[in-house]
Amino acid sequence: MSLTTGRSQPLGRAASPAGPPIISPVVELNVGGQFYTTTVITLRKLPGSKLADMFSSLTKACTDAEGRFFIDRPGTYFGPILDYLRSGQVPTQHIPEVYREAQFYEIKPLVKLLEDMPQIFGEQMARKQFLLRVPGYSENLELMVRLARAEAVAARCSSVLVCVVRTEEDAANCAESLRVLEADKRLVVKFGPWKAAPVIRDLLDSVRMDIEARGYQVAYDYCSKKIFQPKPGAYEYFYSFLFNWW
């Protein structure tokens, strides 16, 4: 890829009397449409990072129409990355988004610092580790979305029936109800059992959070006892997730 643009000298480059252009100590960046000015020393501060690699030679960088070095990433969260490289400042806002960018640019010291912050620690080490102990969690989320979308034609909302059992004993208590629903051709998405401390309400909240993160409007509540003929007390394991479309 050619790095010349039609300007006499692209931004961030200086002509070398002895040969091809070299990168100027000061460079201008276009990161996803947002502009930054910094130095090559800052960008190369962490050897092994993607930024250090990008600016290790001219052949690894590309430019926009104005000659600025172009990086095809969200520009909003590049500022905190740059501030960390300049002064070691750790961001205090938009932590999940900055964490994602720090991972992309392979700014490993910043990644580690952010992983110790409550927002990332709670998500990565607590909630996600719990969900890894729930068999078929991701597959069940996909099934719920497919069922809801299948019922969405000419409707304002869709209801998905969910059964959540934390222990083997819970599973035995609602087994008869599941057989009744299956005989009535009612589709049920079943979560659990699992071996971890969080309770049924924690699992339900995680399902809601992960579905909402995909852009859906969803809420849950206990399933109506009238829907099926449960074994006494078994209805407490059944919930209705309501997807609102408009």
C-alpha atoms as a PDB file:
ATOM      1  CA  MET A   1       0.000   0.000   0.000  1.00  0.00           C
ATOM      2  CA  SER A   2       1.377   3.404  -0.955  1.00  0.00           C
ATOM      3  CA  LEU A   3       1.663   5.880   1.918  1.00  0.00           C
ATOM      4  CA  THR A   4       1.881   9.049  -0.205  1.00  0.00           C
ATOM      5  CA  THR A   5      -1.226  11.104  -0.699  1.00  0.00           C
ATOM      6  CA  GLY A   6      -1.018  14.008  -3.148  1.00  0.00           C
ATOM      7  CA  ARG A   7       0.119  16.497  -0.508  1.00  0.00           C
ATOM      8  CA  SER A   8       3.749  17.568  -0.742  1.00  0.00           C
ATOM      9  CA  GLN A   9       4.435  15.878   2.583  1.00  0.00           C
ATOM     10  CA  PRO A  10       1.858  13.840   4.541  1.00  0.00           C
ATOM     11  CA  LEU A  11       1.194  14.786   8.146  1.00  0.00           C
ATOM     12  CA  GLY A  12       3.478  13.080  10.609  1.00  0.00           C
ATOM     13  CA  ARG A  13       6.334  12.511   8.146  1.00  0.00           C
ATOM     14  CA  ALA A  14       9.557  14.255   7.452  1.00  0.00           C
ATOM     15  CA  ALA A  15      11.734  13.958   4.385  1.00  0.00           C
ATOM     16  CA  SER A  16      15.069  12.274   4.919  1.00  0.00           C
ATOM     17  CA  PRO A  17      17.863  13.748   2.775  1.00  0.00           C
ATOM     18  CA  ALA A  18      19.559  10.376   2.694  1.00  0.00           C
ATOM     19  CA  GLY A  19      16.626   8.235   1.576  1.00  0.00           C
ATOM     20  CA  PRO A  20      12.889   7.533   1.928  1.00  0.00           C
ATOM     21  CA  PRO A  21      10.615   9.459   4.320  1.00  0.00           C
ATOM     22  CA  ILE A  22      10.812   8.717   8.013  1.00  0.00           C
ATOM     23  CA  ILE A  23       8.127   9.110  10.647  1.00  0.00           C
ATOM     24  CA  SER A  24       8.214  12.540  12.261  1.00  0.00           C
ATOM     25  CA  PRO A  25       8.502  12.692  16.080  1.00  0.00           C
ATOM     26  CA  VAL A  26       5.004  14.264  16.119  1.00  0.00           C
ATOM     27  CA  VAL A  27       2.188  12.484  14.322  1.00  0.00           C
ATOM     28  CA  GLU A  28      -1.485  13.088  13.657  1.00  0.00           C
ATOM     29  CA  LEU A  29      -3.926  10.201  13.921  1.00  0.00           C
ATOM     30  CA  ASN A  30      -7.393   9.592  12.562  1.00  0.00           C
ATOM     31  CA  VAL A  31      -8.980   6.958  14.798  1.00  0.00           C
ATOM     32  CA  GLY A  32     -12.413   6.085  13.475  1.00  0.00           C
ATOM     33  CA  GLY A  33     -13.019   9.706  12.418  1.00  0.00           C
ATOM     34  CA  GLN A  34     -11.652  11.350  15.568  1.00  0.00           C
ATOM     35  CA  PHE A  35      -8.313  13.146  15.430  1.00  0.00           C
ATOM     36  CA  TYR A  36      -5.417  12.953  17.862  1.00  0.00           C
ATOM     37  CA  THR A  37      -1.926  14.420  17.946  1.00  0.00           C
ATOM     38  CA  THR A  38       0.836  12.588  19.770  1.00  0.00           C
ATOM     39  CA  THR A  39       4.431  11.436  19.396  1.00  0.00           C
ATOM     40  CA  VAL A  40       5.968   8.305  17.992  1.00  0.00           C
ATOM     41  CA  ILE A  41       7.693   7.766  21.347  1.00  0.00           C
ATOM     42  CA  THR A  42       4.282   7.586  23.048  1.00  0.00           C
ATOM     43  CA  LEU A  43       2.886   5.155  20.495  1.00  0.00           C
ATOM     44  CA  ARG A  44       5.957   2.938  20.782  1.00  0.00           C
ATOM     45  CA  LYS A  45       6.065   3.103  24.568  1.00  0.00           C
ATOM     46  CA  LEU A  46       5.053  -0.530  25.085  1.00  0.00           C
ATOM     47  CA  PRO A  47       7.041  -2.881  22.821  1.00  0.00           C
ATOM     48  CA  GLY A  48       4.880  -5.774  21.703  1.00  0.00           C
ATOM     49  CA  SER A  49       1.664  -3.761  21.645  1.00  0.00           C
ATOM     50  CA  LYS A  50      -0.208  -3.293  18.378  1.00  0.00           C
ATOM     51  CA  LEU A  51       0.424   0.453  18.439  1.00  0.00           C
ATOM     52  CA  ALA A  52       4.164  -0.081  18.807  1.00  0.00           C
ATOM     53  CA  ASP A  53       3.998  -2.569  15.959  1.00  0.00           C
ATOM     54  CA  MET A  54       1.898  -0.261  13.741  1.00  0.00           C
ATOM     55  CA  PHE A  55       4.442   2.544  14.044  1.00  0.00           C
ATOM     56  CA  SER A  56       7.599   0.478  13.960  1.00  0.00           C
ATOM     57  CA  SER A  57       7.855   1.119  10.190  1.00  0.00           C
ATOM     58  CA  LEU A  58       6.047   3.034   7.467  1.00  0.00           C
ATOM     59  CA  THR A  59       4.954  -0.129   5.698  1.00  0.00           C
ATOM     60  CA  LYS A  60       2.628  -1.075   8.592  1.00  0.00           C
ATOM     61  CA  ALA A  61       0.589   2.154   8.622  1.00  0.00           C
ATOM     62  CA  CYS A  62      -2.060   3.574   6.308  1.00  0.00           C
ATOM     63  CA  THR A  63      -3.236   7.155   5.895  1.00  0.00           C
ATOM     64  CA  ASP A  64      -6.444   9.047   5.243  1.00  0.00           C
ATOM     65  CA  ALA A  65      -6.974  11.627   2.486  1.00  0.00           C
ATOM     66  CA  GLU A  66      -5.265  14.315   4.591  1.00  0.00           C
ATOM     67  CA  GLY A  67      -2.200  12.241   5.308  1.00  0.00           C
ATOM     68  CA  ARG A  68      -3.093  11.413   8.906  1.00  0.00           C
ATOM     69  CA  PHE A  69      -2.313   7.904  10.061  1.00  0.00           C
ATOM     70  CA  PHE A  70      -5.599   5.999  10.056  1.00  0.00           C
ATOM     71  CA  ILE A  71      -6.727   3.381  12.611  1.00  0.00           C
ATOM     72  CA  ASP A  72     -10.076   1.729  11.947  1.00  0.00           C
ATOM     73  CA  ARG A  73     -11.295   1.553  15.557  1.00  0.00           C
ATOM     74  CA  PRO A  74     -13.775   3.555  17.705  1.00  0.00           C
ATOM     75  CA  GLY A  75     -12.177   6.934  18.258  1.00  0.00           C
ATOM     76  CA  THR A  76     -14.137   7.815  21.395  1.00  0.00           C
ATOM     77  CA  TYR A  77     -12.203   5.409  23.589  1.00  0.00           C
ATOM     78  CA  PHE A  78      -8.758   5.949  22.097  1.00  0.00           C
ATOM     79  CA  GLY A  79      -8.212   9.056  24.233  1.00  0.00           C
ATOM     80  CA  PRO A  80      -7.962   7.071  27.495  1.00  0.00           C
ATOM     81  CA  ILE A  81      -5.558   4.638  25.799  1.00  0.00           C
ATOM     82  CA  LEU A  82      -3.370   7.569  24.761  1.00  0.00           C
ATOM     83  CA  ASP A  83      -3.560   9.152  28.234  1.00  0.00           C
ATOM     84  CA  TYR A  84      -2.346   5.903  29.775  1.00  0.00           C
ATOM     85  CA  LEU A  85       0.585   5.698  27.369  1.00  0.00           C
ATOM     86  CA  ARG A  86       1.479   9.341  28.014  1.00  0.00           C
ATOM     87  CA  SER A  87       1.281   9.451  31.796  1.00  0.00           C
ATOM     88  CA  GLY A  88       0.065   6.136  33.180  1.00  0.00           C
ATOM     89  CA  GLN A  89      -3.363   7.637  33.897  1.00  0.00           C
ATOM     90  CA  VAL A  90      -5.969   4.905  34.442  1.00  0.00           C
ATOM     91  CA  PRO A  91      -9.462   5.725  33.091  1.00  0.00           C
ATOM     92  CA  THR A  92     -12.384   6.102  35.482  1.00  0.00           C
ATOM     93  CA  GLN A  93     -15.223   6.224  32.945  1.00  0.00           C
ATOM     94  CA  HIS A  94     -16.457   3.895  30.177  1.00  0.00           C
ATOM     95  CA  ILE A  95     -14.422   1.105  31.722  1.00  0.00           C
ATOM     96  CA  PRO A  96     -15.863  -1.834  29.684  1.00  0.00           C
ATOM     97  CA  GLU A  97     -15.359   0.030  26.390  1.00  0.00           C
ATOM     98  CA  VAL A  98     -11.807   1.126  27.223  1.00  0.00           C
ATOM     99  CA  TYR A  99     -11.058  -2.418  28.404  1.00  0.00           C
ATOM    100  CA  ARG A 100     -12.137  -3.762  25.005  1.00  0.00           C
ATOM    101  CA  GLU A 101      -9.870  -1.290  23.205  1.00  0.00           C
ATOM    102  CA  ALA A 102      -6.949  -2.000  25.533  1.00  0.00           C
ATOM    103  CA  GLN A 103      -7.351  -5.680  24.682  1.00  0.00           C
ATOM    104  CA  PHE A 104      -7.401  -4.892  20.959  1.00  0.00           C
ATOM    105  CA  TYR A 105      -4.258  -2.744  21.111  1.00  0.00           C
ATOM    106  CA  GLU A 106      -2.651  -5.329  23.443  1.00  0.00           C
ATOM    107  CA  ILE A 107      -1.813  -2.719  26.097  1.00  0.00           C
ATOM    108  CA  LYS A 108      -1.225  -5.490  28.620  1.00  0.00           C
ATOM    109  CA  PRO A 109      -0.412  -3.397  31.735  1.00  0.00           C
ATOM    110  CA  LEU A 110      -3.614  -1.382  31.234  1.00  0.00           C
ATOM    111  CA  VAL A 111      -5.637  -4.542  30.598  1.00  0.00           C
ATOM    112  CA  LYS A 112      -4.438  -5.934  33.930  1.00  0.00           C
ATOM    113  CA  LEU A 113      -5.220  -2.698  35.791  1.00  0.00           C
ATOM    114  CA  LEU A 114      -8.729  -2.581  34.328  1.00  0.00           C
ATOM    115  CA  GLU A 115      -9.343  -6.240  35.184  1.00  0.00           C
ATOM    116  CA  ASP A 116      -8.831  -5.342  38.838  1.00  0.00           C
ATOM    117  CA  MET A 117     -11.540  -2.666  38.692  1.00  0.00           C
ATOM    118  CA  PRO A 118     -14.995  -3.652  40.038  1.00  0.00           C
ATOM    119  CA  GLN A 119     -16.795  -3.294  36.688  1.00  0.00           C
ATOM    120  CA  ILE A 120     -14.500  -5.749  34.922  1.00  0.00           C
ATOM    121  CA  PHE A 121     -13.699  -7.991  37.870  1.00  0.00           C
ATOM    122  CA  GLY A 122     -17.392  -8.488  38.625  1.00  0.00           C
ATOM    123  CA  GLU A 123     -18.243  -9.312  35.014  1.00  0.00           C
ATOM    124  CA  GLN A 124     -15.217 -11.416  34.092  1.00  0.00           C
ATOM    125  CA  MET A 125     -14.423 -13.188  37.345  1.00  0.00           C
ATOM    126  CA  ALA A 126     -17.813 -13.411  39.055  1.00  0.00           C
ATOM    127  CA  ARG A 127     -20.763 -13.404  36.656  1.00  0.00           C
ATOM    128  CA  LYS A 128     -19.114 -15.007  33.627  1.00  0.00           C
ATOM    129  CA  GLN A 129     -17.401 -17.646  35.738  1.00  0.00           C
ATOM    130  CA  PHE A 130     -20.785 -18.498  37.246  1.00  0.00           C
ATOM    131  CA  LEU A 131     -22.411 -18.769  33.819  1.00  0.00           C
ATOM    132  CA  LEU A 132     -19.667 -21.132  32.657  1.00  0.00           C
ATOM    133  CA  ARG A 133     -20.980 -23.504  35.328  1.00  0.00           C
ATOM    134  CA  VAL A 134     -24.509 -23.423  33.919  1.00  0.00           C
ATOM    135  CA  PRO A 135     -24.695 -26.162  31.259  1.00  0.00           C
ATOM    136  CA  GLY A 136     -25.770 -24.936  27.824  1.00  0.00           C
ATOM    137  CA  TYR A 137     -26.239 -21.314  28.910  1.00  0.00           C
ATOM    138  CA  SER A 138     -25.263 -19.676  25.604  1.00  0.00           C
ATOM    139  CA  GLU A 139     -27.215 -22.216  23.552  1.00  0.00           C
ATOM    140  CA  ASN A 140     -30.315 -21.599  25.683  1.00  0.00           C
ATOM    141  CA  LEU A 141     -30.054 -17.849  25.114  1.00  0.00           C
ATOM    142  CA  GLU A 142     -29.988 -18.436  21.356  1.00  0.00           C
ATOM    143  CA  LEU A 143     -33.011 -20.735  21.637  1.00  0.00           C
ATOM    144  CA  MET A 144     -34.970 -18.148  23.628  1.00  0.00           C
ATOM    145  CA  VAL A 145     -34.321 -15.460  21.020  1.00  0.00           C
ATOM    146  CA  ARG A 146     -35.321 -17.803  18.173  1.00  0.00           C
ATOM    147  CA  LEU A 147     -38.565 -18.772  19.914  1.00  0.00           C
ATOM    148  CA  ALA A 148     -39.429 -15.146  20.655  1.00  0.00           C
ATOM    149  CA  ARG A 149     -38.772 -14.054  17.082  1.00  0.00           C
ATOM    150  CA  ALA A 150     -40.834 -16.933  15.716  1.00  0.00           C
ATOM    151  CA  GLU A 151     -43.886 -15.608  17.609  1.00  0.00           C
ATOM    152  CA  ALA A 152     -43.301 -11.962  16.739  1.00  0.00           C
ATOM    153  CA  VAL A 153     -45.216 -11.847  13.444  1.00  0.00           C
ATOM    154  CA  ALA A 154     -48.048  -9.273  13.716  1.00  0.00           C
ATOM    155  CA  ALA A 155     -47.640  -9.229  17.491  1.00  0.00           C
ATOM    156  CA  ARG A 156     -46.552  -6.606  19.980  1.00  0.00           C
ATOM    157  CA  CYS A 157     -44.810  -9.061  22.276  1.00  0.00           C
ATOM    158  CA  SER A 158     -43.632 -12.663  22.510  1.00  0.00           C
ATOM    159  CA  SER A 159     -43.586 -14.909  25.552  1.00  0.00           C
ATOM    160  CA  VAL A 160     -40.975 -17.614  26.139  1.00  0.00           C
ATOM    161  CA  LEU A 161     -41.472 -20.203  28.880  1.00  0.00           C
ATOM    162  CA  VAL A 162     -38.354 -20.897  30.955  1.00  0.00           C
ATOM    163  CA  CYS A 163     -37.684 -23.494  33.634  1.00  0.00           C
ATOM    164  CA  VAL A 164     -34.819 -22.821  36.061  1.00  0.00           C
ATOM    165  CA  VAL A 165     -33.558 -25.460  38.491  1.00  0.00           C
ATOM    166  CA  ARG A 166     -30.534 -24.897  40.686  1.00  0.00           C
ATOM    167  CA  THR A 167     -30.158 -28.423  42.119  1.00  0.00           C
ATOM    168  CA  GLU A 168     -30.892 -32.006  41.158  1.00  0.00           C
ATOM    169  CA  GLU A 169     -33.680 -31.944  43.751  1.00  0.00           C
ATOM    170  CA  ASP A 170     -35.241 -28.936  42.003  1.00  0.00           C
ATOM    171  CA  ALA A 171     -35.028 -30.808  38.702  1.00  0.00           C
ATOM    172  CA  ALA A 172     -36.844 -33.810  40.209  1.00  0.00           C
ATOM    173  CA  ASN A 173     -39.578 -31.559  41.646  1.00  0.00           C
ATOM    174  CA  CYS A 174     -40.486 -30.100  38.254  1.00  0.00           C
ATOM    175  CA  ALA A 175     -39.902 -33.180  36.071  1.00  0.00           C
ATOM    176  CA  GLU A 176     -43.608 -34.094  36.023  1.00  0.00           C
ATOM    177  CA  SER A 177     -44.593 -30.567  35.005  1.00  0.00           C
ATOM    178  CA  LEU A 178     -42.075 -30.648  32.174  1.00  0.00           C
ATOM    179  CA  ARG A 179     -43.590 -33.923  30.928  1.00  0.00           C
ATOM    180  CA  VAL A 180     -47.065 -32.379  30.962  1.00  0.00           C
ATOM    181  CA  LEU A 181     -45.870 -29.363  28.994  1.00  0.00           C
ATOM    182  CA  GLU A 182     -44.049 -31.577  26.509  1.00  0.00           C
ATOM    183  CA  ALA A 183     -47.224 -33.633  25.994  1.00  0.00           C
ATOM    184  CA  ASP A 184     -49.092 -30.383  25.300  1.00  0.00           C
ATOM    185  CA  LYS A 185     -46.368 -29.456  22.783  1.00  0.00           C
ATOM    186  CA  ARG A 186     -45.311 -26.433  24.839  1.00  0.00           C
ATOM    187  CA  LEU A 187     -41.674 -25.517  24.260  1.00  0.00           C
ATOM    188  CA  VAL A 188     -39.713 -24.854  27.444  1.00  0.00           C
ATOM    189  CA  VAL A 189     -36.136 -23.582  27.721  1.00  0.00           C
ATOM    190  CA  LYS A 190     -34.555 -25.285  30.739  1.00  0.00           C
ATOM    191  CA  PHE A 191     -31.563 -23.897  32.676  1.00  0.00           C
ATOM    192  CA  GLY A 192     -29.647 -25.892  35.270  1.00  0.00           C
ATOM    193  CA  PRO A 193     -28.891 -27.488  37.538  1.00  0.00           C
ATOM    194  CA  TRP A 194     -25.509 -25.931  38.329  1.00  0.00           C
ATOM    195  CA  LYS A 195     -22.798 -26.115  40.981  1.00  0.00           C
ATOM    196  CA  ALA A 196     -22.143 -22.558  42.071  1.00  0.00           C
ATOM    197  CA  ALA A 197     -23.306 -20.175  44.795  1.00  0.00           C
ATOM    198  CA  PRO A 198     -25.667 -17.891  42.799  1.00  0.00           C
ATOM    199  CA  VAL A 199     -29.372 -18.666  43.150  1.00  0.00           C
ATOM    200  CA  ILE A 200     -32.227 -18.859  40.642  1.00  0.00           C
ATOM    201  CA  ARG A 201     -32.876 -15.099  40.744  1.00  0.00           C
ATOM    202  CA  ASP A 202     -29.224 -14.457  39.838  1.00  0.00           C
ATOM    203  CA  LEU A 203     -29.536 -16.742  36.814  1.00  0.00           C
ATOM    204  CA  LEU A 204     -32.747 -15.025  35.702  1.00  0.00           C
ATOM    205  CA  ASP A 205     -31.137 -11.595  36.007  1.00  0.00           C
ATOM    206  CA  SER A 206     -28.146 -12.782  33.965  1.00  0.00           C
ATOM    207  CA  VAL A 207     -30.429 -14.073  31.214  1.00  0.00           C
ATOM    208  CA  ARG A 208     -32.255 -10.732  31.121  1.00  0.00           C
ATOM    209  CA  MET A 209     -28.978  -8.757  31.063  1.00  0.00           C
ATOM    210  CA  ASP A 210     -27.494 -10.810  28.240  1.00  0.00           C
ATOM    211  CA  ILE A 211     -30.641 -10.631  26.119  1.00  0.00           C
ATOM    212  CA  GLU A 212     -30.924  -6.867  26.680  1.00  0.00           C
ATOM    213  CA  ALA A 213     -27.258  -6.535  25.668  1.00  0.00           C
ATOM    214  CA  ARG A 214     -28.337  -7.813  22.237  1.00  0.00           C
ATOM    215  CA  GLY A 215     -30.797  -4.935  21.892  1.00  0.00           C
ATOM    216  CA  TYR A 216     -34.025  -6.662  22.948  1.00  0.00           C
ATOM    217  CA  GLN A 217     -36.550  -5.336  25.457  1.00  0.00           C
ATOM    218  CA  VAL A 218     -37.312  -8.159  27.847  1.00  0.00           C
ATOM    219  CA  ALA A 219     -38.736  -8.727  31.322  1.00  0.00           C
ATOM    220  CA  TYR A 220     -39.564 -11.831  33.328  1.00  0.00           C
ATOM    221  CA  ASP A 221     -42.030 -12.926  35.986  1.00  0.00           C
ATOM    222  CA  TYR A 222     -43.421 -16.092  37.500  1.00  0.00           C
ATOM    223  CA  CYS A 223     -45.392 -18.146  35.015  1.00  0.00           C
ATOM    224  CA  SER A 224     -49.140 -18.255  35.506  1.00  0.00           C
ATOM    225  CA  LYS A 225     -50.329 -21.408  37.267  1.00  0.00           C
ATOM    226  CA  LYS A 226     -53.114 -21.699  34.695  1.00  0.00           C
ATOM    227  CA  ILE A 227     -50.732 -22.498  31.856  1.00  0.00           C
ATOM    228  CA  PHE A 228     -50.078 -26.070  32.987  1.00  0.00           C
ATOM    229  CA  GLN A 229     -51.044 -28.606  35.621  1.00  0.00           C
ATOM    230  CA  PRO A 230     -47.988 -28.658  37.788  1.00  0.00           C
ATOM    231  CA  LYS A 231     -47.015 -30.865  40.639  1.00  0.00           C
ATOM    232  CA  PRO A 232     -47.836 -28.858  43.810  1.00  0.00           C
ATOM    233  CA  GLY A 233     -45.122 -26.266  44.339  1.00  0.00           C
ATOM    234  CA  ALA A 234     -43.419 -26.927  40.993  1.00  0.00           C
ATOM    235  CA  TYR A 235     -44.720 -23.733  39.393  1.00  0.00           C
ATOM    236  CA  GLU A 236     -42.058 -21.743  41.275  1.00  0.00           C
ATOM    237  CA  TYR A 237     -39.439 -23.047  38.828  1.00  0.00           C
ATOM    238  CA  PHE A 238     -41.251 -21.703  35.762  1.00  0.00           C
ATOM    239  CA  TYR A 239     -40.958 -18.173  34.453  1.00  0.00           C
ATOM    240  CA  SER A 240     -42.266 -16.255  31.479  1.00  0.00           C
ATOM    241  CA  PHE A 241     -39.843 -13.991  29.596  1.00  0.00           C
ATOM    242  CA  LEU A 242     -41.735 -11.296  27.722  1.00  0.00           C
ATOM    243  CA  PHE A 243     -40.091  -9.771  24.634  1.00  0.00           C
ATOM    244  CA  ASN A 244     -41.557  -6.394  23.654  1.00  0.00           C
ATOM    245  CA  TRP A 245     -41.278  -5.484  19.974  1.00  0.00           C
ATOM    246  CA  TRP A 246     -42.979  -2.087  19.870  1.00  0.00           C
END
